[in-house]
Protein backbone atom coordinates (compact mmCIF):
# COMPACT_ATOMS: atom_id res chain seq x y z
CA MET A 1 -16.73 -20.75 10.73
CA CYS A 2 -16.64 -17.51 8.75
CA ALA A 3 -17.24 -17.73 5.02
CA VAL A 4 -15.07 -15.31 3.06
CA LEU A 5 -14.61 -14.54 -0.63
CA VAL A 6 -11.15 -13.84 -2.04
CA ALA A 7 -10.73 -11.44 -4.95
CA GLY A 8 -9.25 -12.90 -8.10
CA ALA A 9 -5.96 -12.09 -9.80
CA GLY A 10 -7.32 -8.78 -11.04
CA ALA A 11 -7.70 -7.30 -7.55
CA SER A 12 -6.31 -3.81 -7.08
CA VAL A 13 -2.95 -3.78 -5.35
CA ALA A 14 -1.99 -0.58 -3.54
CA ASP A 15 0.91 0.41 -1.29
CA GLU A 16 2.84 -2.74 -0.33
CA GLN A 17 4.09 -0.97 2.82
CA HIS A 18 0.73 -1.19 4.56
CA THR A 19 0.91 -4.05 7.06
CA ILE A 20 -0.43 -4.83 10.50
CA GLY A 21 2.46 -5.66 12.78
CA HIS A 22 4.46 -8.57 11.36
CA VAL A 23 1.39 -9.91 9.50
CA HIS A 24 1.74 -9.30 5.75
CA GLY A 25 -1.55 -10.85 4.64
CA GLY A 26 -4.54 -12.93 5.71
CA LEU A 27 -7.76 -12.43 7.66
CA VAL A 28 -8.01 -9.27 9.80
CA VAL A 29 -10.90 -8.50 12.17
CA GLN A 30 -11.65 -5.02 13.47
CA LEU A 31 -13.87 -4.64 16.52
CA GLY A 32 -15.66 -1.33 16.22
CA THR A 33 -16.86 0.30 13.00
CA GLY A 34 -16.39 4.00 13.83
CA ASP A 35 -13.12 4.30 11.85
CA THR A 36 -12.71 2.56 8.49
CA ASP A 37 -9.52 4.24 7.23
CA ALA A 38 -7.02 1.61 8.44
CA ALA A 39 -9.24 -1.22 7.21
CA LEU A 40 -9.46 0.37 3.76
CA ARG A 41 -5.69 0.82 3.51
CA LEU A 42 -5.15 -2.85 4.35
CA GLY A 43 -7.84 -3.99 1.92
CA GLN A 44 -6.42 -1.91 -0.93
CA THR A 45 -3.17 -3.88 -0.83
CA GLY A 46 -5.03 -6.96 -2.04
CA ARG A 47 -3.25 -9.01 0.63
CA TYR A 48 -5.88 -8.86 3.38
CA ILE A 49 -9.51 -9.67 3.92
CA VAL A 50 -10.77 -7.28 6.61
CA HIS A 51 -13.97 -8.00 8.55
CA LEU A 52 -15.40 -5.12 10.60
CA LEU A 53 -17.73 -6.07 13.44
CA GLY A 54 -19.91 -3.77 15.51
CA SER A 55 -22.81 -4.12 17.92
CA ASP A 56 -24.64 -0.99 16.72
CA PRO A 57 -26.61 -1.66 13.49
CA ALA A 58 -26.66 2.02 12.56
CA GLY A 59 -22.89 2.31 12.94
CA VAL A 60 -22.39 -0.84 10.88
CA ALA A 61 -24.65 0.48 8.12
CA LYS A 62 -22.67 3.72 7.98
CA ALA A 63 -19.37 1.83 7.79
CA ARG A 64 -20.74 -0.47 5.09
CA ALA A 65 -21.77 2.49 2.95
CA SER A 66 -18.31 4.01 3.29
CA LEU A 67 -16.61 0.74 2.37
CA LYS A 68 -18.84 0.21 -0.67
CA ALA A 69 -17.98 3.67 -1.93
CA SER A 70 -14.32 2.67 -1.93
CA GLY A 71 -14.90 0.10 -4.67
CA ILE A 72 -13.33 -2.86 -2.81
CA TYR A 73 -16.27 -4.07 -0.73
CA GLY A 74 -15.81 -7.79 -0.22
CA LEU A 75 -12.13 -7.52 0.56
CA VAL A 76 -13.27 -5.20 3.35
CA PHE A 77 -16.79 -5.65 4.72
CA ALA A 78 -18.85 -4.87 7.81
CA GLU A 79 -21.44 -6.83 9.77
CA THR A 80 -23.41 -6.55 12.99
CA LEU A 81 -22.15 -8.86 15.71
CA ALA A 82 -25.06 -11.19 16.40
CA ASP A 83 -23.77 -12.43 19.76
CA SER A 84 -22.18 -9.46 21.49
CA GLY A 85 -19.86 -11.65 23.55
CA ARG A 86 -18.74 -14.22 20.98
CA LEU A 87 -16.85 -13.82 17.72
CA PRO A 88 -18.16 -15.77 14.68
CA TYR A 89 -14.98 -17.74 14.01
CA SER A 90 -13.43 -21.08 14.80
CA GLU A 91 -10.41 -21.16 17.08
CA ASN A 92 -6.98 -20.28 15.61
CA LEU A 93 -8.41 -18.69 12.45
CA VAL A 94 -7.81 -14.91 12.42
CA ASN A 95 -4.38 -13.48 11.57
CA ALA A 96 -4.84 -10.09 13.25
CA VAL A 97 -7.40 -8.27 15.39
CA ILE A 98 -7.71 -4.49 15.66
CA VAL A 99 -9.60 -3.45 18.78
CA ARG A 100 -11.21 -0.01 18.68
CA SER A 101 -14.37 -0.80 20.60
CA PRO A 102 -14.45 -4.31 22.10
CA GLY A 103 -17.99 -4.07 23.45
CA LYS A 104 -18.70 -7.21 25.44
CA VAL A 105 -16.03 -9.29 23.66
CA ALA A 106 -13.52 -10.49 26.28
CA LEU A 107 -9.78 -10.76 25.65
CA ALA A 108 -10.06 -14.53 26.16
CA GLU A 109 -12.44 -14.68 23.18
CA ILE A 110 -10.07 -12.61 21.05
CA PHE A 111 -7.20 -14.88 22.08
CA ARG A 112 -9.28 -17.94 21.09
CA VAL A 113 -9.88 -16.88 17.49
CA LEU A 114 -6.36 -15.61 16.75
CA THR A 115 -3.89 -17.93 15.04
CA PRO A 116 -0.60 -18.67 16.79
CA LEU A 117 1.82 -15.75 16.18
CA ALA A 118 -1.11 -13.53 15.15
CA ALA A 119 -1.04 -9.78 15.78
CA LEU A 120 -3.26 -7.79 18.13
CA VAL A 121 -3.54 -3.97 18.03
CA VAL A 122 -5.46 -2.28 20.85
CA PHE A 123 -6.30 1.44 20.65
CA ASN A 124 -6.32 3.81 23.62
CA ASP A 125 -10.08 4.21 23.94
CA SER A 126 -10.65 0.44 24.10
CA GLY A 127 -10.16 0.31 27.89
CA ILE A 128 -7.53 -2.44 27.58
CA ASP A 129 -4.06 -2.03 29.11
CA SER A 130 -0.80 -4.02 28.93
CA GLN A 131 -1.40 -5.88 32.20
CA MET A 132 -4.74 -7.12 30.90
CA LEU A 133 -3.04 -8.34 27.72
CA LYS A 134 -0.34 -10.14 29.66
CA LYS A 135 -2.90 -11.82 31.93
CA ALA A 136 -4.84 -12.99 28.85
CA GLY A 137 -1.71 -14.78 27.54
CA PHE A 138 -0.36 -12.33 24.95
CA GLU A 139 3.37 -11.69 24.55
CA GLY A 140 5.63 -9.15 22.85
CA ILE A 141 3.49 -6.30 24.20
CA GLU A 142 4.74 -2.90 23.00
CA LYS A 143 3.41 0.64 22.97
CA GLN A 144 3.31 2.18 19.49
CA GLU A 145 3.98 5.79 18.44
CA ASP A 146 0.24 6.53 18.22
CA GLY A 147 -0.28 5.26 21.79
CA SER A 148 -1.87 1.94 20.78
CA LEU A 149 -0.64 -1.38 22.16
CA ALA A 150 0.65 -4.14 19.90
CA ALA A 151 0.97 -7.78 20.99
CA ARG A 152 0.98 -11.26 19.56
CA LYS A 153 -0.39 -14.66 20.44
CA PRO A 154 2.40 -17.11 21.36
CA TRP A 155 3.01 -20.40 19.60
CA PRO A 156 1.38 -23.26 21.58
CA LYS A 157 3.81 -25.70 23.18
CA ASN A 158 1.80 -28.69 21.93
CA MET A 159 2.02 -27.68 18.24
CA ASP A 160 4.88 -28.56 15.90
CA THR A 161 5.86 -27.58 12.37
CA TRP A 162 6.90 -29.72 9.37
CA SER A 163 9.73 -27.72 7.83
CA HIS A 164 11.23 -30.39 5.54
CA PRO A 165 9.65 -33.06 3.34
CA ARG A 166 10.38 -35.56 6.15
CA HIS A 167 9.57 -33.19 9.02
CA ALA A 168 13.05 -31.80 9.71
CA ALA A 169 16.68 -31.96 8.60
CA ASP A 170 17.18 -35.25 10.46
CA GLY A 171 14.84 -37.06 8.06
CA ASN A 172 12.73 -38.50 10.89
CA ALA A 173 9.13 -38.31 9.61
CA VAL A 174 7.65 -37.83 13.07
CA SER A 175 5.99 -34.59 14.13
CA LEU A 176 6.24 -33.59 17.80
CA ASP A 177 2.69 -32.19 17.59
CA THR A 178 0.53 -33.58 20.41
CA ALA A 179 -2.44 -31.37 19.46
CA VAL A 180 -3.00 -33.55 16.37
CA GLY A 181 -5.49 -36.37 16.75
CA PRO A 182 -8.38 -38.10 14.98
CA PRO A 183 -10.14 -35.45 12.85
CA GLU A 184 -13.51 -34.11 13.91
CA ARG A 185 -14.18 -31.71 11.01
CA VAL A 186 -12.74 -30.25 7.82
CA ARG A 187 -10.96 -27.00 8.69
CA TRP A 188 -10.52 -25.53 5.21
CA VAL A 189 -10.36 -26.57 1.56
CA ALA A 190 -8.49 -24.69 -1.16
CA ALA A 191 -9.04 -25.96 -4.67
CA ALA A 192 -6.19 -27.06 -6.93
CA MET A 193 -6.44 -28.35 -10.46
CA SER A 194 -3.74 -31.00 -10.27
CA GLU A 195 -1.80 -33.17 -7.87
CA VAL A 196 0.55 -31.20 -5.60
CA GLU A 197 3.60 -32.64 -3.87
CA GLY A 198 6.07 -31.04 -1.52
CA LEU A 199 3.92 -29.54 1.27
CA ILE A 200 5.94 -28.07 4.15
CA THR A 201 4.87 -25.72 6.95
CA ASP A 202 6.55 -23.41 9.44
CA GLY A 203 5.73 -20.13 11.16
CA GLY A 204 2.02 -20.57 10.43
CA ARG A 205 2.57 -20.70 6.66
CA ASN A 206 2.16 -23.62 4.26
CA PHE A 207 4.31 -23.86 1.14
CA TYR A 208 3.24 -26.00 -1.80
CA GLY A 209 5.08 -27.37 -4.79
CA GLY A 210 7.07 -24.82 -6.58
CA VAL A 211 5.84 -22.51 -4.87
CA LEU A 212 2.53 -21.27 -3.41
CA ALA A 213 2.23 -19.88 0.14
CA ARG A 214 -0.99 -20.15 2.13
CA ASP A 215 -1.85 -19.45 5.74
CA SER A 216 -1.65 -22.69 7.71
CA PHE A 217 -4.78 -22.08 9.76
CA ASN A 218 -7.29 -20.56 7.33
CA GLY A 219 -5.87 -21.48 3.91
CA LEU A 220 -5.83 -17.94 2.53
CA ARG A 221 -3.31 -17.33 -0.23
CA LEU A 222 -0.37 -15.20 0.92
CA TRP A 223 1.96 -15.04 -2.11
CA HIS A 224 3.26 -17.11 -5.00
CA ARG A 225 6.43 -17.34 -7.05
CA ASP A 226 7.23 -19.71 -9.92
CA LEU A 227 10.60 -21.11 -8.83
CA THR A 228 11.58 -21.84 -12.41
CA LYS A 229 10.98 -18.24 -13.54
CA GLY A 230 11.48 -16.30 -10.33
CA LYS A 231 8.76 -13.65 -10.74
CA LEU A 232 6.84 -12.80 -7.56
CA ASN A 233 3.02 -12.71 -7.54
CA ASP A 234 2.67 -12.99 -11.31
CA PRO A 235 -1.09 -12.76 -12.13
CA SER A 236 -0.68 -15.57 -14.69
CA PHE A 237 0.86 -17.91 -12.10
CA ASN A 238 0.15 -21.61 -12.50
CA LEU A 239 1.66 -23.82 -9.78
CA PRO A 240 4.51 -25.69 -11.48
CA ARG A 241 5.39 -29.28 -10.77
CA LEU A 242 8.64 -29.93 -8.95
CA SER A 243 11.45 -31.77 -10.67
CA TYR A 244 11.62 -35.33 -9.38
CA ASN A 245 15.42 -35.19 -9.16
CA ARG A 246 15.69 -31.91 -7.25
CA ALA A 247 15.13 -31.37 -3.54
CA ARG A 248 11.89 -29.83 -2.39
CA PRO A 249 11.87 -26.41 -0.69
CA VAL A 250 12.47 -26.33 3.08
CA ALA A 251 11.27 -23.72 5.55
CA SER A 252 11.93 -21.92 8.79
CA GLU A 253 9.82 -19.34 10.59
CA LYS A 254 11.68 -16.54 8.77
CA TYR A 255 12.68 -18.06 5.42
CA LEU A 256 11.73 -20.39 2.63
CA PHE A 257 14.82 -22.06 1.14
CA ALA A 258 14.40 -23.20 -2.44
CA PHE A 259 16.03 -23.56 -5.84
CA VAL A 260 15.01 -20.31 -7.56
CA LYS A 261 15.99 -20.43 -11.24
CA GLY A 262 18.43 -23.20 -10.30
CA LYS A 263 20.21 -21.40 -7.44
CA VAL A 264 19.62 -22.01 -3.72
CA THR A 265 17.90 -18.91 -2.39
CA ALA A 266 16.40 -17.75 0.91
CA LEU A 267 13.02 -16.07 0.40
CA ASP A 268 11.19 -14.04 3.02
CA ALA A 269 8.60 -16.53 4.27
CA ALA A 270 6.04 -13.78 4.82
CA THR A 271 6.33 -12.02 1.46
CA GLY A 272 8.27 -14.23 -0.97
CA LYS A 273 10.92 -11.56 -1.58
CA VAL A 274 14.53 -12.65 -2.16
CA ILE A 275 16.63 -12.20 0.97
CA GLN A 276 19.78 -14.20 0.29
CA GLU A 277 21.38 -16.20 -2.52
CA TYR A 278 23.96 -18.88 -1.80
CA PRO A 279 26.84 -18.68 -4.29
CA GLY A 280 28.02 -21.64 -6.31
CA THR A 281 24.89 -23.70 -5.77
CA GLU A 282 23.79 -23.83 -9.42
CA GLY A 283 23.27 -27.42 -10.49
CA SER A 284 22.84 -28.72 -6.94
CA VAL A 285 20.01 -31.11 -6.17
CA GLU A 286 20.03 -31.63 -2.38
CA LEU A 287 18.95 -29.05 0.22
CA ILE A 288 18.38 -29.04 3.99
CA GLN A 289 18.59 -26.36 6.69
CA HIS A 290 19.70 -27.20 10.24
CA LEU A 291 20.24 -24.82 13.15
CA ASP A 292 21.94 -21.82 11.47
CA VAL A 293 23.40 -23.72 8.52
CA VAL A 294 22.15 -24.33 4.97
CA LEU A 295 23.50 -27.57 3.49
CA VAL A 296 23.58 -28.19 -0.26
CA GLY A 297 24.59 -31.29 -2.19
CA GLY A 298 25.26 -31.71 -5.89
CA SER A 299 27.18 -33.55 -8.54
CA ARG A 300 30.59 -32.38 -7.32
CA ALA A 301 30.45 -31.37 -3.67
CA VAL A 302 28.64 -30.86 -0.38
CA ARG A 303 28.63 -27.24 0.77
CA ALA A 304 27.61 -25.55 4.02
CA PHE A 305 26.56 -21.89 4.27
CA SER A 306 25.64 -19.50 7.04
CA THR A 307 21.87 -19.12 6.88
CA GLU A 308 21.94 -15.39 7.60
CA THR A 309 25.03 -14.15 5.76
CA GLY A 310 25.24 -16.60 2.86
CA LYS A 311 28.96 -17.07 3.59
CA GLN A 312 30.30 -20.52 2.69
CA LEU A 313 31.48 -22.33 5.83
CA TRP A 314 33.05 -25.35 4.16
CA GLU A 315 33.08 -27.56 1.09
CA ARG A 316 33.81 -31.26 0.63
CA LYS A 317 34.35 -32.75 -2.81
CA ALA A 318 31.82 -35.49 -3.51
CA GLY A 319 30.40 -37.08 -6.63
CA ASP A 320 26.60 -37.01 -6.68
CA ALA A 321 26.26 -36.09 -3.00
CA ARG A 322 22.84 -37.19 -1.79
CA ASN A 323 20.78 -38.30 1.22
CA LEU A 324 21.75 -35.26 3.27
CA ALA A 325 20.64 -35.40 6.91
CA ALA A 326 21.72 -33.53 10.02
CA GLU A 327 21.27 -33.91 13.77
CA SER A 328 22.96 -31.99 16.55
CA LYS A 329 26.38 -31.07 15.10
CA THR A 330 26.75 -33.96 12.66
CA VAL A 331 25.90 -34.17 8.96
CA SER A 332 25.59 -37.46 7.09
CA TYR A 333 25.47 -38.03 3.35
CA ILE A 334 26.17 -40.59 0.65
CA ALA A 335 28.37 -39.96 -2.40
CA GLY A 336 29.77 -41.88 -5.34
CA ARG A 337 28.76 -42.74 -8.91
CA PRO A 338 28.87 -46.51 -9.44
CA LYS A 339 28.01 -46.15 -13.14
CA ARG A 340 31.34 -44.36 -13.52
CA GLY A 341 33.17 -46.93 -11.44
CA ASP A 342 33.23 -44.83 -8.27
CA PRO A 343 32.68 -46.54 -4.92
CA VAL A 344 29.53 -45.53 -3.04
CA GLU A 345 30.52 -44.14 0.35
CA ALA A 346 28.72 -43.07 3.52
CA PHE A 347 30.11 -40.03 5.31
CA ALA A 348 29.64 -38.29 8.65
CA VAL A 349 31.16 -34.81 9.07
CA ASP A 350 31.05 -31.88 11.49
CA LEU A 351 28.23 -29.42 10.84
CA TYR A 352 30.31 -26.27 11.22
CA THR A 353 33.74 -27.31 9.91
CA GLY A 354 33.07 -30.21 7.53
CA GLU A 355 35.77 -32.21 9.33
CA LEU A 356 35.44 -35.93 8.61
CA LYS A 357 34.24 -38.12 11.47
CA TRP A 358 34.11 -41.36 9.48
CA ASN A 359 33.27 -42.88 6.13
CA ARG A 360 32.31 -46.41 5.09
CA THR A 361 32.59 -48.10 1.71
CA ASP A 362 32.25 -51.73 2.75
CA PHE A 363 28.46 -52.16 2.71
CA SER A 364 27.02 -53.78 -0.38
CA TRP A 365 23.64 -52.17 0.26
CA LEU A 366 24.91 -48.56 0.12
CA PRO A 367 24.10 -48.04 -3.60
CA LYS A 368 20.48 -48.99 -2.86
CA VAL A 369 19.89 -46.50 -0.02
CA TYR A 370 16.87 -44.32 -0.73
CA ARG A 371 16.62 -42.15 2.40
CA THR A 372 18.58 -41.49 5.60
CA VAL A 373 17.37 -40.78 9.15
CA MET A 374 19.41 -39.45 12.06
CA HIS A 375 18.23 -39.74 15.65
CA ASP A 376 19.77 -39.90 19.11
CA GLY A 377 23.27 -40.89 18.06
CA GLN A 378 22.28 -43.26 15.26
CA VAL A 379 22.01 -42.93 11.51
CA VAL A 380 19.56 -45.20 9.70
CA TYR A 381 19.96 -46.07 6.03
CA GLU A 382 16.67 -47.05 4.43
CA VAL A 383 16.94 -49.44 1.50
CA SER A 384 13.64 -49.48 -0.42
CA SER A 385 12.40 -51.41 -3.43
CA LEU A 386 10.14 -48.51 -4.56
CA ASN A 387 7.88 -51.00 -6.32
CA ASP A 388 5.08 -53.40 -5.40
CA HIS A 389 7.45 -56.14 -4.20
CA ASP A 390 8.35 -56.91 -0.62
CA LEU A 391 11.92 -57.99 -1.37
CA GLY A 392 14.68 -55.42 -1.28
CA ASN A 393 13.45 -53.45 1.76
CA ALA A 394 15.57 -53.08 4.89
CA ILE A 395 17.00 -50.66 7.43
CA HIS A 396 20.65 -50.54 8.52
CA LEU A 397 21.67 -48.63 11.67
CA LEU A 398 25.13 -47.18 12.32
CA ASP A 399 26.55 -45.32 15.28
CA THR A 400 26.70 -41.61 14.40
CA GLU A 401 30.06 -41.04 16.10
CA THR A 402 31.95 -44.16 14.98
CA GLY A 403 30.18 -45.46 11.87
CA LYS A 404 29.96 -48.92 13.44
CA LEU A 405 27.02 -51.08 12.34
CA THR A 406 24.76 -51.70 15.34
CA TRP A 407 21.96 -53.77 13.78
CA GLU A 408 19.91 -54.21 10.60
CA LYS A 409 16.55 -55.62 9.63
CA LYS A 410 14.79 -56.75 6.46
CA PHE A 411 11.00 -56.40 6.39
CA SER A 412 7.99 -55.92 4.10
CA PRO A 413 6.73 -52.32 4.27
CA GLY A 414 2.97 -52.10 4.82
CA MET A 415 2.34 -50.40 1.48
CA ASN A 416 0.69 -51.47 -1.77
CA HIS A 417 2.86 -49.48 -4.18
CA LYS A 418 6.27 -47.76 -4.22
CA ARG A 419 7.14 -49.55 -1.00
CA GLN A 420 9.56 -47.83 1.37
CA ALA A 421 11.38 -49.20 4.39
CA ARG A 422 10.76 -46.25 6.68
CA ALA A 423 12.18 -45.86 10.20
CA MET A 424 10.22 -43.56 12.52
CA PHE A 425 11.65 -42.60 15.91
CA SER A 426 9.12 -41.51 18.51
CA GLY A 427 9.92 -41.26 22.20
CA ASP A 428 12.19 -44.13 23.16
CA ASP A 429 11.10 -46.42 20.32
CA LEU A 430 11.68 -46.97 16.60
CA TRP A 431 8.45 -47.71 14.74
CA LEU A 432 8.02 -49.71 11.52
CA LEU A 433 4.91 -50.22 9.37
CA HIS A 434 5.04 -53.73 7.96
CA GLY A 435 2.93 -56.50 6.41
CA GLY A 436 0.52 -56.66 3.50
CA ARG A 437 1.60 -58.42 0.32
CA GLU A 438 4.54 -60.82 0.53
CA ASN A 439 6.30 -63.16 -1.88
CA THR A 440 5.33 -60.81 -4.69
CA ALA A 441 8.41 -61.28 -6.88
CA PRO A 442 7.85 -63.64 -9.85
CA ARG A 443 9.34 -67.13 -9.62
CA LYS A 444 11.55 -68.60 -12.32
CA ASP A 445 8.49 -70.04 -14.06
CA GLY A 446 7.02 -66.53 -14.22
CA LYS A 447 4.25 -67.20 -11.73
CA VAL A 448 3.73 -65.24 -8.52
CA LYS A 449 3.02 -67.08 -5.28
CA GLU A 450 1.71 -64.10 -3.39
CA THR A 451 0.58 -64.21 0.22
CA ARG A 452 -0.89 -61.61 2.53
CA VAL A 453 -0.20 -60.95 6.18
CA PRO A 454 -1.84 -58.40 8.50
CA VAL A 455 -0.63 -54.83 8.21
CA GLN A 456 0.84 -53.85 11.56
CA VAL A 457 3.04 -51.28 13.22
CA SER A 458 5.75 -52.38 15.66
CA ALA A 459 7.85 -50.56 18.23
CA LEU A 460 11.46 -51.71 18.34
CA ASP A 461 14.31 -50.99 20.74
CA PRO A 462 16.45 -48.51 18.74
CA LYS A 463 19.68 -49.88 20.19
CA THR A 464 19.07 -53.58 19.56
CA GLY A 465 16.15 -53.97 17.12
CA LYS A 466 14.19 -56.08 19.60
CA VAL A 467 10.42 -55.91 19.00
CA LEU A 468 8.73 -54.41 22.06
CA LYS A 469 5.09 -54.29 20.96
CA THR A 470 2.96 -54.65 17.83
CA HIS A 471 -0.41 -53.08 16.92
CA SER A 472 -2.79 -53.26 13.99
CA ALA A 473 -2.51 -50.52 11.36
CA GLY A 474 -4.00 -49.32 8.10
CA MET A 475 -2.56 -50.31 4.74
CA ALA A 476 -0.67 -47.42 3.18
CA HIS A 477 -1.15 -47.12 -0.57
CA CYS A 478 1.48 -45.26 -2.58
CA PHE A 479 2.68 -43.04 0.26
CA PRO A 480 4.83 -43.94 3.27
CA PRO A 481 3.62 -43.60 6.88
CA VAL A 482 4.26 -40.66 9.19
CA ALA A 483 3.77 -40.30 12.93
CA THR A 484 3.32 -38.05 15.97
CA PRO A 485 4.11 -38.87 19.61
CA LYS A 486 0.63 -40.39 19.88
CA TYR A 487 -0.27 -41.87 16.49
CA VAL A 488 1.06 -43.64 13.41
CA PHE A 489 -0.66 -42.42 10.22
CA ALA A 490 -1.24 -44.95 7.46
CA GLY A 491 -3.99 -46.17 5.15
CA VAL A 492 -6.96 -43.99 4.31
CA LEU A 493 -6.35 -41.75 7.30
CA ASP A 494 -6.07 -44.64 9.75
CA LEU A 495 -4.48 -43.55 13.03
CA THR A 496 -2.98 -46.23 15.28
CA ASN A 497 -2.73 -45.16 18.91
CA MET A 498 0.83 -46.05 19.90
CA GLU A 499 -0.09 -46.64 23.53
CA THR A 500 -3.39 -48.56 23.32
CA GLY A 501 -3.19 -50.03 19.83
CA LYS A 502 -6.66 -48.73 18.94
CA VAL A 503 -7.03 -47.87 15.26
CA GLU A 504 -9.08 -44.76 14.50
CA VAL A 505 -10.46 -45.10 10.96
CA ASN A 506 -11.32 -41.82 9.23
CA PRO A 507 -12.21 -42.49 5.56
CA ILE A 508 -12.47 -38.82 4.66
CA THR A 509 -9.93 -38.84 1.86
CA LYS A 510 -6.73 -40.60 0.81
CA ALA A 511 -3.32 -38.98 1.17
CA ASN A 512 -1.35 -37.53 -1.68
CA CYS A 513 0.81 -40.04 -3.56
CA SER A 514 4.08 -38.67 -2.27
CA ARG A 515 7.57 -40.08 -2.04
CA GLU A 516 8.02 -38.44 1.38
CA GLY A 517 4.66 -38.51 3.16
CA GLY A 518 1.07 -38.04 2.05
CA TRP A 519 -0.13 -36.80 5.42
CA VAL A 520 1.43 -33.80 7.17
CA PRO A 521 0.48 -33.60 10.88
CA ALA A 522 1.39 -30.10 12.12
CA ASN A 523 -0.11 -26.94 13.62
CA GLY A 524 -2.67 -29.09 15.44
CA LEU A 525 -4.10 -30.08 12.03
CA ILE A 526 -3.71 -32.84 9.45
CA TYR A 527 -2.91 -31.67 5.92
CA THR A 528 -3.06 -33.41 2.59
CA THR A 529 -3.03 -32.21 -1.01
CA PRO A 530 -4.89 -33.22 -4.20
CA LYS A 531 -4.18 -36.63 -5.61
CA HIS A 532 -4.88 -38.40 -8.88
CA CYS A 533 -6.96 -41.19 -7.28
CA THR A 534 -10.44 -40.28 -8.50
CA CYS A 535 -11.98 -42.83 -6.13
CA TRP A 536 -10.79 -40.76 -3.17
CA PRO A 537 -11.77 -37.11 -3.65
CA MET A 538 -12.45 -34.94 -0.61
């Protein structure tokens, strides 16, 4: 791993136009120390750390002297390459590589250290041509005006993102990332002074709370904006806590969608600049983004907007619209204010027109629904106690097209606190984490006759609810489980192998106490954020 120091808030910021390809910040490596001008221009923006590497000690010393004279040495620095054929970085760590003189460093080695979607710039005298880049696995190869070649590393097929608090707009807290597995090392640590909730990631960028952007693979800060105030990259920034009653930001590769000063706004994911505001969304509390549609719910209506143009596609009147979820071309939500005497209703509508498919008012459990999941033609309503008791937790499954109830199940979520009845669809199965404390509710005499059963995870047939197999699992604490195609995550980083049932115990740290998911498996990594449990620091 490469140890780097980041300048503080007082770092000099120069011309914001200086970028390298589509990369607007992060770790840049230049092979060859003969020319330092481009490296200096990038370093002076304050958005890059630039590491120059050369095999000639005299050339490196000359470059180092030039960089020190600039007054920003540290943001830009030079070193002699100890192993002429190997770069001193872990895999998937560097955001951009500039090749002036590759020496004995092969393209395969450069490919190894670059992050997915990272930029590569190859100059004429490097001896590298477009066919060599293509053979090495690079894509988007283009010749620039100065004759250099630009390319990027593609996104691996076995890596997934986590764009919404529950993975995606469908609410199914299951990542499709098969590169994630039992951890072997700590990749990076970025300090925070308080508990942070609301981590999402897309396009190689992590977004925290309200809101801080970091690179997903090396943790370097990219930009920040206080969503309550709206100012970008304020030197006095202090990461604000998110309102419990307002939806967390959601992301795509291009945009971060968030409530900025109360209005739903699309920010440039790379820079934090405002790209699009969605009119009439003040006072809304729900937010998801699906395909090319932004969906917003509030006290009076559900609205759909074109992601790119901001044009409103449709609006449906609804009191306290909540539990927004979307799959394929269907949107589901719940509306109604029982405290005002309104019935609580479940709706399914068309994504692009808002046309009603069905609505149901005849389920007594609807007012108690906490979260909704959509998957493969079914919508699951999760009823959760959100306390330490096992009673009051169940899932209810309806057909997405007809609204017909297919099956339902009561169970004890395998959590100690804030228990949630979570449905996780992976492959052909629906997985539930269950067990732990039962009979926790006080009896009439005030005494509790509590029992304990093993914490387990079971695969059910999604169409019938029949239990297909059951494995041991870790006890989740105050955060619900999440999953990948291979593992269920629960407990103190306990991973249950869905196929073999083996439990991989990794007591490195406990997950964040989150209402959506303490662990975030994405980008081939496992993320968590600071928590208030002092017995489980990193």
